[in-house]
N, C-alpha and C. Protein backbone atom coordinates (compact mmCIF):
# COMPACT_ATOMS: atom_id res chain seq x y z
N MET A 1 0.28 31.24 -14.82
CA MET A 1 -0.03 30.57 -13.86
C MET A 1 0.08 28.98 -13.62
N SER A 2 -1.30 28.96 -15.23
CA SER A 2 -2.15 27.33 -15.11
C SER A 2 -1.06 26.40 -15.69
N ASP A 3 0.27 26.86 -16.60
CA ASP A 3 0.46 26.37 -18.04
C ASP A 3 2.58 25.73 -16.69
N MET A 4 2.39 25.94 -15.18
CA MET A 4 3.30 25.87 -14.60
C MET A 4 3.45 24.26 -14.41
N PRO A 5 4.12 23.18 -14.73
CA PRO A 5 3.68 21.63 -14.87
C PRO A 5 3.57 21.04 -12.78
N LEU A 6 2.76 20.98 -12.97
CA LEU A 6 1.91 20.03 -11.08
C LEU A 6 3.41 19.02 -10.44
N SER A 7 3.51 19.48 -9.26
CA SER A 7 4.34 19.03 -8.76
C SER A 7 3.82 17.37 -8.66
N GLU A 8 4.70 16.62 -7.78
CA GLU A 8 5.19 15.32 -8.09
C GLU A 8 3.98 15.01 -6.58
N ASP A 9 3.52 15.50 -5.71
CA ASP A 9 2.87 15.53 -4.51
C ASP A 9 1.16 15.67 -5.34
N ALA A 10 1.14 17.20 -6.18
CA ALA A 10 0.18 16.99 -6.87
C ALA A 10 -1.00 16.37 -8.06
N HIS A 11 -0.26 16.24 -8.97
CA HIS A 11 -0.22 15.05 -9.49
C HIS A 11 -0.41 13.23 -8.98
N LEU A 12 0.35 13.05 -7.92
CA LEU A 12 -0.39 11.96 -7.46
C LEU A 12 -1.62 11.76 -6.79
N ASP A 13 -1.85 13.46 -5.79
CA ASP A 13 -2.88 13.57 -5.56
C ASP A 13 -4.37 13.05 -7.06
N ARG A 14 -3.96 14.04 -8.14
CA ARG A 14 -5.14 13.96 -9.34
C ARG A 14 -5.04 12.19 -9.35
N LEU A 15 -4.42 11.68 -9.88
CA LEU A 15 -4.23 10.06 -9.61
C LEU A 15 -5.15 9.89 -8.88
N VAL A 16 -4.80 10.16 -7.59
CA VAL A 16 -6.23 9.11 -6.39
C VAL A 16 -7.04 9.43 -6.36
N GLY A 17 -7.40 11.77 -6.57
CA GLY A 17 -8.86 11.65 -6.78
C GLY A 17 -9.18 10.61 -7.61
N SER A 18 -8.88 10.56 -9.23
CA SER A 18 -9.23 10.27 -10.53
C SER A 18 -9.77 8.58 -10.23
N LYS A 19 -9.62 7.82 -9.34
CA LYS A 19 -8.68 6.21 -8.99
C LYS A 19 -10.08 6.50 -8.30
N ILE A 20 -10.17 7.04 -7.14
CA ILE A 20 -11.81 7.02 -5.70
C ILE A 20 -13.05 7.56 -6.83
N ARG A 21 -12.66 8.59 -7.90
CA ARG A 21 -13.67 8.46 -8.63
C ARG A 21 -14.41 7.35 -9.58
N LEU A 22 -12.91 6.73 -9.96
CA LEU A 22 -13.62 5.21 -10.82
C LEU A 22 -14.17 4.58 -9.74
N LEU A 23 -13.71 4.44 -9.37
CA LEU A 23 -14.12 3.05 -8.34
C LEU A 23 -15.25 2.70 -7.34
N ARG A 24 -16.22 4.85 -6.87
CA ARG A 24 -17.44 5.63 -6.30
C ARG A 24 -17.93 4.99 -7.70
N THR A 25 -18.14 5.39 -8.86
CA THR A 25 -18.86 5.40 -9.89
C THR A 25 -19.29 3.78 -10.01
N ALA A 26 -17.82 3.02 -10.09
CA ALA A 26 -18.28 1.84 -10.94
C ALA A 26 -18.47 0.99 -10.03
N GLN A 27 -19.61 1.39 -8.89
CA GLN A 27 -20.63 1.10 -7.42
C GLN A 27 -21.74 1.62 -7.62
N GLY A 28 -21.72 2.52 -8.34
CA GLY A 28 -22.92 3.19 -8.94
C GLY A 28 -23.44 4.66 -6.60
N LEU A 29 -22.17 4.69 -6.60
CA LEU A 29 -22.54 5.11 -5.39
C LEU A 29 -22.42 6.69 -5.82
N SER A 30 -23.26 7.52 -4.97
CA SER A 30 -23.32 8.51 -5.49
C SER A 30 -21.91 9.52 -3.94
N LEU A 31 -21.41 10.20 -4.23
CA LEU A 31 -20.68 11.01 -2.67
C LEU A 31 -21.37 10.88 -2.08
N GLN A 32 -22.83 11.49 -1.59
CA GLN A 32 -23.15 11.14 -0.42
C GLN A 32 -23.40 10.41 0.39
N GLU A 33 -23.24 9.10 -0.66
CA GLU A 33 -23.49 7.41 -0.08
C GLU A 33 -22.12 7.33 0.38
N LEU A 34 -20.68 8.37 -0.51
CA LEU A 34 -19.59 7.75 0.08
C LEU A 34 -19.37 8.80 1.48
N GLY A 35 -19.76 9.31 1.39
CA GLY A 35 -19.46 10.62 2.89
C GLY A 35 -20.63 9.81 4.41
N ASP A 36 -21.91 9.19 3.73
CA ASP A 36 -22.76 8.43 4.66
C ASP A 36 -21.31 7.32 5.17
N GLY A 37 -20.84 6.68 4.64
CA GLY A 37 -20.19 5.74 5.00
C GLY A 37 -19.07 6.25 5.39
N THR A 38 -17.96 6.74 4.85
CA THR A 38 -17.41 7.20 5.59
C THR A 38 -17.08 8.82 6.83
N GLY A 39 -18.18 8.92 6.36
CA GLY A 39 -18.10 10.31 7.96
C GLY A 39 -17.85 11.60 7.23
N LEU A 40 -17.18 11.66 5.86
CA LEU A 40 -16.03 13.16 5.39
C LEU A 40 -17.14 13.60 5.16
N SER A 41 -17.61 15.18 4.75
CA SER A 41 -18.39 16.05 3.72
C SER A 41 -18.14 15.33 2.38
N VAL A 42 -19.38 16.24 1.77
CA VAL A 42 -19.54 15.88 0.30
C VAL A 42 -18.51 16.57 0.13
N GLY A 43 -19.09 17.70 0.51
CA GLY A 43 -17.65 18.95 -0.29
C GLY A 43 -16.02 18.83 -0.13
N TYR A 44 -15.54 17.89 0.51
CA TYR A 44 -14.54 17.38 1.18
C TYR A 44 -14.20 16.56 -0.33
N LEU A 45 -14.88 15.51 -0.33
CA LEU A 45 -14.63 13.81 -1.22
C LEU A 45 -14.86 14.95 -2.16
N SER A 46 -15.76 16.12 -2.69
CA SER A 46 -15.61 16.41 -3.67
C SER A 46 -13.69 17.07 -4.22
N GLN A 47 -13.33 17.75 -3.36
CA GLN A 47 -12.45 18.28 -3.63
C GLN A 47 -10.73 17.47 -3.90
N LEU A 48 -11.04 16.03 -3.46
CA LEU A 48 -10.95 15.26 -2.97
C LEU A 48 -9.86 14.40 -3.81
N GLU A 49 -11.42 13.72 -4.82
CA GLU A 49 -12.21 13.48 -6.23
C GLU A 49 -10.80 13.68 -7.47
N ARG A 50 -11.20 15.37 -7.05
CA ARG A 50 -10.48 16.61 -8.29
C ARG A 50 -9.01 16.56 -7.76
N GLY A 51 -8.95 16.33 -6.82
CA GLY A 51 -7.08 16.76 -6.98
C GLY A 51 -6.57 17.54 -6.40
N LEU A 52 -8.13 18.27 -5.39
CA LEU A 52 -7.66 19.64 -5.18
C LEU A 52 -7.55 19.25 -2.91
N SER A 53 -7.17 18.32 -3.30
CA SER A 53 -6.87 18.02 -1.22
C SER A 53 -5.76 16.35 -0.86
N SER A 54 -5.09 17.36 -0.24
CA SER A 54 -4.10 15.35 -0.29
C SER A 54 -4.42 14.76 0.94
N PRO A 55 -5.32 13.39 0.96
CA PRO A 55 -6.19 12.72 1.24
C PRO A 55 -4.67 12.52 2.48
N SER A 56 -5.13 12.43 4.02
CA SER A 56 -4.57 11.60 5.00
C SER A 56 -4.66 10.48 4.81
N LEU A 57 -3.60 9.05 5.40
CA LEU A 57 -3.38 8.13 5.75
C LEU A 57 -5.00 7.52 6.58
N ARG A 58 -5.50 8.52 7.20
CA ARG A 58 -7.37 7.87 7.68
C ARG A 58 -8.17 7.66 6.71
N VAL A 59 -8.18 9.03 6.09
CA VAL A 59 -9.10 9.97 4.95
C VAL A 59 -9.37 7.96 3.78
N LEU A 60 -7.58 8.15 3.64
CA LEU A 60 -7.75 6.36 2.66
C LEU A 60 -8.40 5.73 2.90
N SER A 61 -8.01 5.39 4.42
CA SER A 61 -8.85 4.23 4.82
C SER A 61 -9.87 4.29 5.07
N LEU A 62 -10.38 5.32 5.59
CA LEU A 62 -12.34 5.16 5.49
C LEU A 62 -12.50 5.03 4.13
N VAL A 63 -12.16 5.60 2.79
CA VAL A 63 -12.27 5.77 1.73
C VAL A 63 -12.19 3.86 0.96
N SER A 64 -11.22 4.30 1.17
CA SER A 64 -11.06 1.96 0.88
C SER A 64 -12.03 1.24 1.57
N ALA A 65 -12.39 1.16 3.08
CA ALA A 65 -13.37 0.72 3.67
C ALA A 65 -14.50 0.33 3.12
N THR A 66 -15.20 1.71 2.59
CA THR A 66 -16.50 1.71 2.20
C THR A 66 -16.56 1.49 0.52
N LEU A 67 -15.77 1.59 0.39
CA LEU A 67 -15.72 1.32 -0.88
C LEU A 67 -15.45 0.03 -1.25
N GLY A 68 -14.86 -0.84 -0.34
CA GLY A 68 -14.40 -2.37 0.58
C GLY A 68 -12.94 -2.56 -1.01
N VAL A 69 -12.35 -2.02 -1.14
CA VAL A 69 -10.84 -2.19 -1.30
C VAL A 69 -9.96 -2.10 -0.90
N SER A 70 -9.00 -2.42 -0.94
CA SER A 70 -7.62 -1.88 0.03
C SER A 70 -7.14 -0.28 -0.12
N ILE A 71 -6.22 -0.76 0.28
CA ILE A 71 -5.15 0.94 0.25
C ILE A 71 -5.35 1.46 -1.13
N GLY A 72 -4.22 0.32 -1.21
CA GLY A 72 -3.43 0.04 -2.80
C GLY A 72 -3.93 0.65 -3.84
N ALA A 73 -5.62 -0.37 -4.40
CA ALA A 73 -5.92 0.00 -5.41
C ALA A 73 -6.14 1.62 -5.36
N LEU A 74 -5.98 2.55 -4.78
CA LEU A 74 -6.79 3.89 -4.27
C LEU A 74 -5.72 4.13 -5.01
N PHE A 75 -4.71 3.75 -5.36
CA PHE A 75 -2.90 4.13 -6.04
C PHE A 75 -2.86 3.37 -8.00
N PRO A 76 -3.23 4.43 -8.66
CA PRO A 76 -3.53 3.48 -9.98
C PRO A 76 -2.25 2.88 -10.64
N TYR A 77 -1.25 3.11 -10.20
CA TYR A 77 0.04 2.93 -10.61
C TYR A 77 0.61 1.17 -9.74
N LEU A 78 0.11 0.83 -8.71
CA LEU A 78 0.15 -0.13 -7.80
C LEU A 78 0.21 -1.01 -8.66
N PRO A 79 0.46 -2.28 -8.94
CA PRO A 79 0.04 -3.72 -9.55
C PRO A 79 -1.41 -4.04 -7.83
N GLU A 80 -2.28 -4.37 -7.90
CA GLU A 80 -3.56 -4.74 -7.31
C GLU A 80 -5.07 -6.48 -7.47
N ARG A 81 -4.85 -7.44 -7.45
CA ARG A 81 -5.23 -7.79 -7.54
C ARG A 81 -6.24 -7.94 -7.10
N GLU A 82 -6.79 -8.61 -8.49
CA GLU A 82 -8.88 -8.42 -8.07
C GLU A 82 -9.76 -8.29 -7.04
N THR A 83 -10.13 -7.23 -6.53
CA THR A 83 -10.93 -7.12 -5.22
C THR A 83 -11.73 -7.76 -5.19
N GLU A 84 -12.82 -8.22 -6.90
CA GLU A 84 -13.72 -8.00 -6.94
C GLU A 84 -14.53 -8.89 -7.87
N PRO A 85 -14.65 -10.02 -7.99
CA PRO A 85 -15.41 -10.52 -8.80
C PRO A 85 -16.83 -9.84 -9.89
N ASP A 86 -16.72 -10.17 -10.83
CA ASP A 86 -17.93 -10.03 -12.09
C ASP A 86 -19.09 -10.91 -11.20
N GLY A 87 -20.17 -10.27 -11.19
CA GLY A 87 -21.87 -11.30 -10.95
C GLY A 87 -22.56 -11.47 -9.40
N PRO A 88 -22.90 -12.57 -8.47
CA PRO A 88 -23.52 -11.52 -7.99
C PRO A 88 -22.81 -12.69 -7.08
N VAL A 89 -21.60 -13.66 -6.63
CA VAL A 89 -20.80 -14.60 -5.56
C VAL A 89 -19.00 -13.62 -5.88
N MET A 90 -18.78 -14.03 -4.27
CA MET A 90 -17.59 -13.85 -4.30
C MET A 90 -16.62 -14.57 -3.80
N GLN A 91 -16.07 -14.93 -3.89
CA GLN A 91 -15.02 -16.79 -3.24
C GLN A 91 -14.36 -16.13 -2.31
N ARG A 92 -14.24 -16.85 -1.10
CA ARG A 92 -13.51 -16.50 -0.47
C ARG A 92 -11.79 -15.93 -0.35
N ASP A 93 -11.21 -16.89 -1.58
CA ASP A 93 -10.23 -16.35 -2.02
C ASP A 93 -9.89 -15.01 -2.74
N ARG A 94 -11.12 -14.19 -2.98
CA ARG A 94 -11.44 -13.40 -4.25
C ARG A 94 -11.77 -11.53 -3.30
N ARG A 95 -11.79 -12.11 -1.62
CA ARG A 95 -12.52 -11.06 -0.28
C ARG A 95 -11.71 -9.78 -1.14
N PRO A 96 -11.68 -8.25 -1.03
CA PRO A 96 -10.90 -7.99 -0.47
C PRO A 96 -9.80 -8.08 0.44
N ARG A 97 -8.39 -7.81 0.54
CA ARG A 97 -8.10 -7.84 2.46
C ARG A 97 -8.53 -7.04 3.43
N PRO A 98 -8.81 -7.29 5.23
CA PRO A 98 -9.61 -6.63 5.54
C PRO A 98 -9.02 -4.88 5.94
N ILE A 99 -9.64 -4.07 6.12
CA ILE A 99 -9.27 -2.80 6.38
C ILE A 99 -9.21 -2.31 8.07
N MET A 100 -8.39 -1.34 8.78
CA MET A 100 -8.70 -1.29 8.77
C MET A 100 -9.56 -0.11 8.94
N TRP A 101 -10.87 0.38 9.70
CA TRP A 101 -11.90 2.04 9.50
C TRP A 101 -11.27 2.28 10.55
N ARG A 102 -11.01 1.89 11.60
CA ARG A 102 -11.39 2.97 13.24
C ARG A 102 -10.04 2.27 14.19
N ASN A 103 -10.35 3.09 15.20
CA ASN A 103 -8.42 3.10 15.89
C ASN A 103 -9.37 1.70 16.38
N GLY A 104 -9.12 0.45 16.10
CA GLY A 104 -8.39 -0.71 16.72
C GLY A 104 -9.81 -1.25 16.03
N ILE A 105 -10.17 -1.11 14.35
CA ILE A 105 -11.49 -1.23 13.49
C ILE A 105 -11.08 -2.34 12.85
N THR A 106 -11.35 -2.94 11.95
CA THR A 106 -10.94 -3.95 10.99
C THR A 106 -11.90 -4.11 10.68
N LYS A 107 -12.39 -3.60 9.11
CA LYS A 107 -13.27 -4.53 8.42
C LYS A 107 -13.48 -4.98 7.37
N GLU A 108 -13.97 -6.73 6.81
CA GLU A 108 -13.57 -7.37 5.81
C GLU A 108 -15.10 -7.76 4.55
N ILE A 109 -15.64 -7.41 3.87
CA ILE A 109 -16.06 -7.08 2.79
C ILE A 109 -15.89 -8.66 2.37
N LEU A 110 -17.27 -9.30 3.17
CA LEU A 110 -18.34 -10.73 2.60
C LEU A 110 -18.73 -10.69 1.25
N THR A 111 -19.67 -10.11 0.78
CA THR A 111 -20.36 -10.36 -0.69
C THR A 111 -20.45 -9.43 -1.42
N PRO A 112 -20.28 -9.32 -2.49
CA PRO A 112 -19.84 -8.42 -3.58
C PRO A 112 -20.80 -7.25 -4.00
N GLY A 113 -20.74 -6.55 -3.66
CA GLY A 113 -21.85 -5.18 -4.85
C GLY A 113 -22.31 -5.59 -5.06
N ASN A 114 -23.96 -4.29 -5.72
CA ASN A 114 -24.75 -5.15 -6.94
C ASN A 114 -24.92 -3.28 -7.28
N PRO A 115 -24.26 -3.02 -8.61
CA PRO A 115 -24.73 -1.36 -8.74
C PRO A 115 -26.02 -1.66 -8.82
N ALA A 116 -26.26 -2.26 -9.49
CA ALA A 116 -28.39 -2.57 -10.46
C ALA A 116 -28.99 -2.68 -9.46
N SER A 117 -28.97 -3.05 -8.71
CA SER A 117 -29.77 -2.59 -7.17
C SER A 117 -29.98 -1.06 -6.93
N GLU A 118 -31.53 -1.27 -6.49
CA GLU A 118 -31.87 0.12 -5.52
C GLU A 118 -31.25 0.10 -4.53
N VAL A 119 -30.89 -1.04 -3.85
CA VAL A 119 -30.87 -0.53 -2.27
C VAL A 119 -28.61 -1.43 -2.25
N ASN A 120 -27.91 -0.11 -1.62
CA ASN A 120 -26.66 -0.83 -1.50
C ASN A 120 -26.58 -1.76 -0.55
N ARG A 121 -26.79 -2.97 -0.82
CA ARG A 121 -26.41 -3.18 0.78
C ARG A 121 -25.21 -4.08 0.60
N ARG A 122 -24.04 -4.47 1.70
CA ARG A 122 -22.90 -5.40 1.45
C ARG A 122 -23.23 -5.66 3.12
N LEU A 123 -22.29 -7.20 3.15
CA LEU A 123 -22.95 -8.21 4.27
C LEU A 123 -20.62 -7.91 4.98
N VAL A 124 -20.74 -7.10 5.76
CA VAL A 124 -19.19 -6.79 6.78
C VAL A 124 -18.82 -7.67 8.10
N GLU A 125 -17.39 -8.26 7.65
CA GLU A 125 -17.39 -9.27 9.34
C GLU A 125 -16.74 -7.54 9.93
N ILE A 126 -17.33 -7.08 11.54
CA ILE A 126 -16.48 -5.83 11.96
C ILE A 126 -15.45 -6.65 12.96
N VAL A 127 -14.19 -6.63 13.11
CA VAL A 127 -13.42 -7.23 14.04
C VAL A 127 -12.99 -6.21 15.22
N ILE A 128 -13.21 -5.73 16.81
CA ILE A 128 -12.67 -4.62 17.24
C ILE A 128 -12.35 -4.82 18.27
N GLU A 129 -10.64 -5.02 18.42
CA GLU A 129 -10.36 -5.39 19.26
C GLU A 129 -10.66 -4.50 20.74
N PRO A 130 -9.62 -5.65 21.88
CA PRO A 130 -9.69 -4.78 23.04
C PRO A 130 -9.14 -2.87 23.25
N GLY A 131 -10.43 -2.20 23.73
CA GLY A 131 -10.10 -0.87 23.17
C GLY A 131 -10.98 -0.12 22.38
N GLY A 132 -10.44 -1.02 21.34
CA GLY A 132 -11.16 -0.11 20.03
C GLY A 132 -12.63 0.43 20.20
N THR A 133 -12.66 1.36 19.27
CA THR A 133 -14.07 2.45 19.81
C THR A 133 -14.36 3.61 18.69
N THR A 134 -15.56 3.49 18.18
CA THR A 134 -15.52 4.25 16.98
C THR A 134 -15.23 5.59 16.74
N GLY A 135 -14.75 6.07 18.50
CA GLY A 135 -14.50 7.62 18.83
C GLY A 135 -16.10 8.20 19.93
N ARG A 136 -15.74 9.36 20.65
CA ARG A 136 -17.02 9.72 21.04
C ARG A 136 -17.68 10.34 20.10
N ALA A 137 -17.79 11.37 19.40
CA ALA A 137 -18.82 11.68 17.71
C ALA A 137 -19.31 10.02 17.15
N PRO A 138 -20.57 10.27 17.75
CA PRO A 138 -21.77 9.27 17.36
C PRO A 138 -21.42 9.15 15.97
N VAL A 139 -21.71 8.37 15.27
CA VAL A 139 -21.92 7.51 13.62
C VAL A 139 -22.94 8.29 13.02
N SER A 140 -23.48 8.65 12.12
CA SER A 140 -24.88 8.32 11.69
C SER A 140 -24.60 8.28 10.03
N GLY A 141 -25.60 8.01 9.91
CA GLY A 141 -26.15 7.62 7.83
C GLY A 141 -27.37 7.81 7.64
N ASP A 142 -27.72 7.15 6.78
CA ASP A 142 -28.61 6.91 5.68
C ASP A 142 -28.71 5.57 5.75
N GLY A 143 -29.56 4.97 6.19
CA GLY A 143 -30.42 3.36 5.72
C GLY A 143 -30.70 2.87 6.96
N GLU A 144 -30.53 1.27 7.23
CA GLU A 144 -30.44 0.44 7.79
C GLU A 144 -29.34 -0.47 8.40
N GLU A 145 -29.04 -0.96 9.39
CA GLU A 145 -27.61 -1.18 10.24
C GLU A 145 -28.47 -2.44 11.51
N VAL A 146 -27.49 -3.38 10.87
CA VAL A 146 -28.92 -4.54 11.57
C VAL A 146 -27.60 -5.53 11.68
N GLY A 147 -26.80 -6.36 12.25
CA GLY A 147 -26.24 -7.35 12.97
C GLY A 147 -26.31 -8.13 13.86
N VAL A 148 -25.45 -9.13 14.41
CA VAL A 148 -25.88 -10.48 15.00
C VAL A 148 -23.43 -10.38 15.95
N ILE A 149 -23.84 -10.34 17.09
CA ILE A 149 -22.59 -10.21 17.47
C ILE A 149 -21.55 -12.39 17.25
N LEU A 150 -21.12 -12.21 16.64
CA LEU A 150 -20.67 -13.42 16.22
C LEU A 150 -19.41 -14.11 17.51
N GLY A 151 -18.97 -13.43 18.10
CA GLY A 151 -18.09 -13.74 19.17
C GLY A 151 -17.47 -12.03 20.91
N GLY A 152 -17.45 -12.49 21.91
CA GLY A 152 -17.10 -11.12 22.27
C GLY A 152 -18.21 -10.73 22.57
N SER A 153 -17.65 -9.20 23.91
CA SER A 153 -19.00 -8.20 24.47
C SER A 153 -18.67 -7.30 23.76
N LEU A 154 -20.12 -6.84 23.12
CA LEU A 154 -19.61 -5.43 22.60
C LEU A 154 -20.63 -4.56 23.51
N ARG A 155 -20.51 -2.88 22.87
CA ARG A 155 -20.82 -2.33 24.02
C ARG A 155 -21.65 -1.19 23.09
N LEU A 156 -23.10 -0.89 22.66
CA LEU A 156 -23.28 -0.25 21.33
C LEU A 156 -24.65 1.00 22.08
N THR A 157 -24.14 1.97 21.93
CA THR A 157 -24.98 2.72 22.19
C THR A 157 -25.72 2.63 20.82
N VAL A 158 -26.84 3.60 20.98
CA VAL A 158 -28.50 4.33 20.25
C VAL A 158 -29.23 5.25 20.70
N ASP A 159 -29.15 6.55 20.28
CA ASP A 159 -29.74 7.94 20.43
C ASP A 159 -29.79 7.87 21.91
N GLY A 160 -27.95 7.46 22.68
CA GLY A 160 -28.26 7.74 24.26
C GLY A 160 -28.44 6.64 24.80
N PHE A 161 -28.73 5.72 24.52
CA PHE A 161 -29.52 4.53 24.96
C PHE A 161 -28.02 3.59 24.46
N ASP A 162 -27.24 2.60 25.99
CA ASP A 162 -26.72 1.87 25.90
C ASP A 162 -26.63 1.00 26.61
N TYR A 163 -26.07 -0.42 25.49
CA TYR A 163 -26.41 -1.97 25.14
C TYR A 163 -25.37 -2.20 25.42
N THR A 164 -25.33 -3.54 25.94
CA THR A 164 -24.18 -4.03 26.28
C THR A 164 -24.96 -5.39 25.80
N LEU A 165 -23.99 -5.61 24.25
CA LEU A 165 -24.46 -7.06 23.36
C LEU A 165 -23.11 -8.15 23.50
N ARG A 166 -23.66 -9.37 24.33
CA ARG A 166 -22.87 -10.73 23.98
C ARG A 166 -23.25 -11.73 22.90
N GLU A 167 -22.73 -12.64 22.49
CA GLU A 167 -23.05 -13.71 21.59
C GLU A 167 -23.81 -14.36 21.03
N GLY A 168 -24.08 -14.62 19.82
CA GLY A 168 -25.81 -14.73 19.53
C GLY A 168 -26.50 -13.89 19.53
N ASP A 169 -26.23 -12.04 20.70
CA ASP A 169 -27.18 -11.52 20.74
C ASP A 169 -27.32 -9.99 18.92
N GLY A 170 -28.52 -9.58 18.60
CA GLY A 170 -28.33 -9.32 17.48
C GLY A 170 -28.86 -7.88 17.32
N PHE A 171 -29.04 -6.70 16.57
CA PHE A 171 -29.46 -5.72 16.68
C PHE A 171 -29.92 -4.71 15.32
N SER A 172 -31.19 -4.24 15.18
CA SER A 172 -31.36 -3.56 14.52
C SER A 172 -31.66 -2.27 14.18
N PHE A 173 -31.30 -1.17 13.93
CA PHE A 173 -31.25 0.53 13.59
C PHE A 173 -31.49 1.38 12.73
N SER A 174 -31.97 1.97 12.49
CA SER A 174 -32.13 3.15 10.52
C SER A 174 -30.24 3.72 11.77
N SER A 175 -29.78 3.69 10.31
CA SER A 175 -28.57 4.57 10.94
C SER A 175 -28.54 6.28 10.39
N SER A 176 -29.45 7.05 10.50
CA SER A 176 -29.72 7.60 10.73
C SER A 176 -29.62 7.76 12.43
N ALA A 177 -29.80 7.12 13.54
CA ALA A 177 -29.59 7.29 14.67
C ALA A 177 -28.05 7.43 15.08
N ASP A 178 -27.99 8.65 15.90
CA ASP A 178 -27.03 8.30 16.52
C ASP A 178 -26.37 7.44 17.68
N HIS A 179 -25.55 6.66 16.52
CA HIS A 179 -24.52 5.56 17.45
C HIS A 179 -23.38 5.27 17.06
N THR A 180 -22.97 5.10 18.32
CA THR A 180 -20.93 4.03 18.68
C THR A 180 -20.74 2.84 19.26
N PHE A 181 -20.21 2.55 19.33
CA PHE A 181 -19.45 1.12 19.42
C PHE A 181 -18.38 0.47 20.55
N THR A 182 -17.99 0.27 21.15
CA THR A 182 -16.28 0.35 21.63
C THR A 182 -16.49 -1.51 22.23
N ASN A 183 -15.21 -1.36 22.41
CA ASN A 183 -14.55 -3.52 23.03
C ASN A 183 -14.68 -2.58 24.04
N PRO A 184 -15.25 -2.80 25.59
CA PRO A 184 -14.69 -2.54 26.83
C PRO A 184 -13.60 -3.42 27.26
N THR A 185 -13.66 -4.52 26.89
CA THR A 185 -12.84 -6.24 26.89
C THR A 185 -11.84 -6.21 26.50
N ASP A 186 -10.98 -7.32 27.17
CA ASP A 186 -9.96 -7.71 27.12
C ASP A 186 -9.74 -8.75 26.29
N ARG A 187 -11.17 -8.74 24.91
CA ARG A 187 -10.72 -10.11 24.09
C ARG A 187 -11.14 -9.30 22.79
N PRO A 188 -11.02 -9.55 21.49
CA PRO A 188 -11.94 -8.77 20.58
C PRO A 188 -12.68 -9.45 20.81
N VAL A 189 -13.99 -8.39 20.00
CA VAL A 189 -15.75 -8.82 19.48
C VAL A 189 -15.35 -9.32 17.87
N ARG A 190 -16.19 -9.69 17.36
CA ARG A 190 -16.35 -9.93 16.03
C ARG A 190 -18.16 -9.86 15.83
N VAL A 191 -18.04 -8.87 14.67
CA VAL A 191 -19.35 -8.87 14.26
C VAL A 191 -20.33 -8.91 12.91
N LEU A 192 -21.13 -9.33 12.73
CA LEU A 192 -21.72 -9.71 11.58
C LEU A 192 -22.91 -8.61 11.08
N TRP A 193 -21.83 -7.91 10.01
CA TRP A 193 -23.21 -6.65 10.09
C TRP A 193 -23.59 -6.18 8.88
N VAL A 194 -24.32 -5.89 8.80
CA VAL A 194 -25.03 -6.11 7.05
C VAL A 194 -25.71 -4.18 7.34
N ASN A 195 -25.03 -3.38 6.20
CA ASN A 195 -25.12 -2.08 6.25
C ASN A 195 -26.21 -1.17 4.73
N SER A 196 -27.83 -1.35 4.67
CA SER A 196 -28.21 -1.14 3.28
C SER A 196 -28.82 0.61 3.40
N ARG A 197 -28.30 0.74 2.58
CA ARG A 197 -29.06 1.89 1.43
C ARG A 197 -29.98 1.92 0.52
N ASP A 198 -30.84 3.03 0.61
CA ASP A 198 -32.05 3.06 -0.64
C ASP A 198 -31.53 3.90 -1.35
N ARG A 199 -30.35 3.43 -3.02
CA ARG A 199 -30.29 4.59 -3.19
C ARG A 199 -31.83 5.36 -4.23
N ARG A 200 -32.75 5.30 -3.94
CA ARG A 200 -34.00 5.92 -4.61
C ARG A 200 -34.13 6.62 -3.63
N ARG A 201 -33.56 6.66 -1.99
CA ARG A 201 -33.79 8.07 -0.99
C ARG A 201 -33.58 9.00 -1.38
N PRO A 202 -33.46 10.23 -1.43
CA PRO A 202 -32.78 11.65 -1.91
C PRO A 202 -32.41 11.98 -1.18
N PRO A 203 -30.60 12.55 -1.38
CA PRO A 203 -29.74 12.32 -0.06
C PRO A 203 -30.45 13.70 1.05
N PRO A 204 -29.56 14.12 2.39
CA PRO A 204 -30.80 14.70 3.45
C PRO A 204 -30.50 16.70 2.88
N GLY A 205 -31.69 17.25 2.57
CA GLY A 205 -31.13 18.49 2.50
C GLY A 205 -32.17 17.87 1.24
N ALA A 206 -31.88 17.05 0.05
CA ALA A 206 -32.07 17.75 -1.52
C ALA A 206 -33.43 18.34 -1.36
């Protein structure tokens, strides 16, 4: 039965999976790091890259946001402008397009990645629309979270403690801490956010 031709959908799944693996390895990310950024399991991501799972729009959005590319960049045959230049700088007109990350939350990558660095670090602007939230389930990962509120008011919960942050307020905590954030107001919130992950640190359970 292995000689049967792939269906069009199965062929597309393999193409998308291969492109995700190509983008991930080009940035020097492990499956664990991609899992930390997306909230998806390593097992699922492995199946996704091998074309054994059909990703939903939500999954594609999470993966593209973590990789710093548009969803269209995950489809090999779609024309896509260069989303990230080589070298240590990223010109404003070369930034990846803002990506819908979670419900009412968009992310825009502001700085290029550096696959050669021992620390995976990027500066991101996050916009949380009124009512936007990461959801009830806490987010956690490996690394450090640092940021400052550029505008609006944000409700941040870290390890069960609630904080209200306003323009000019900053935060810093370990990514492994359970955390959620929500915009309970009627105005958008803008956050300048940095997530840093040490590639030398073994993944949990290693």
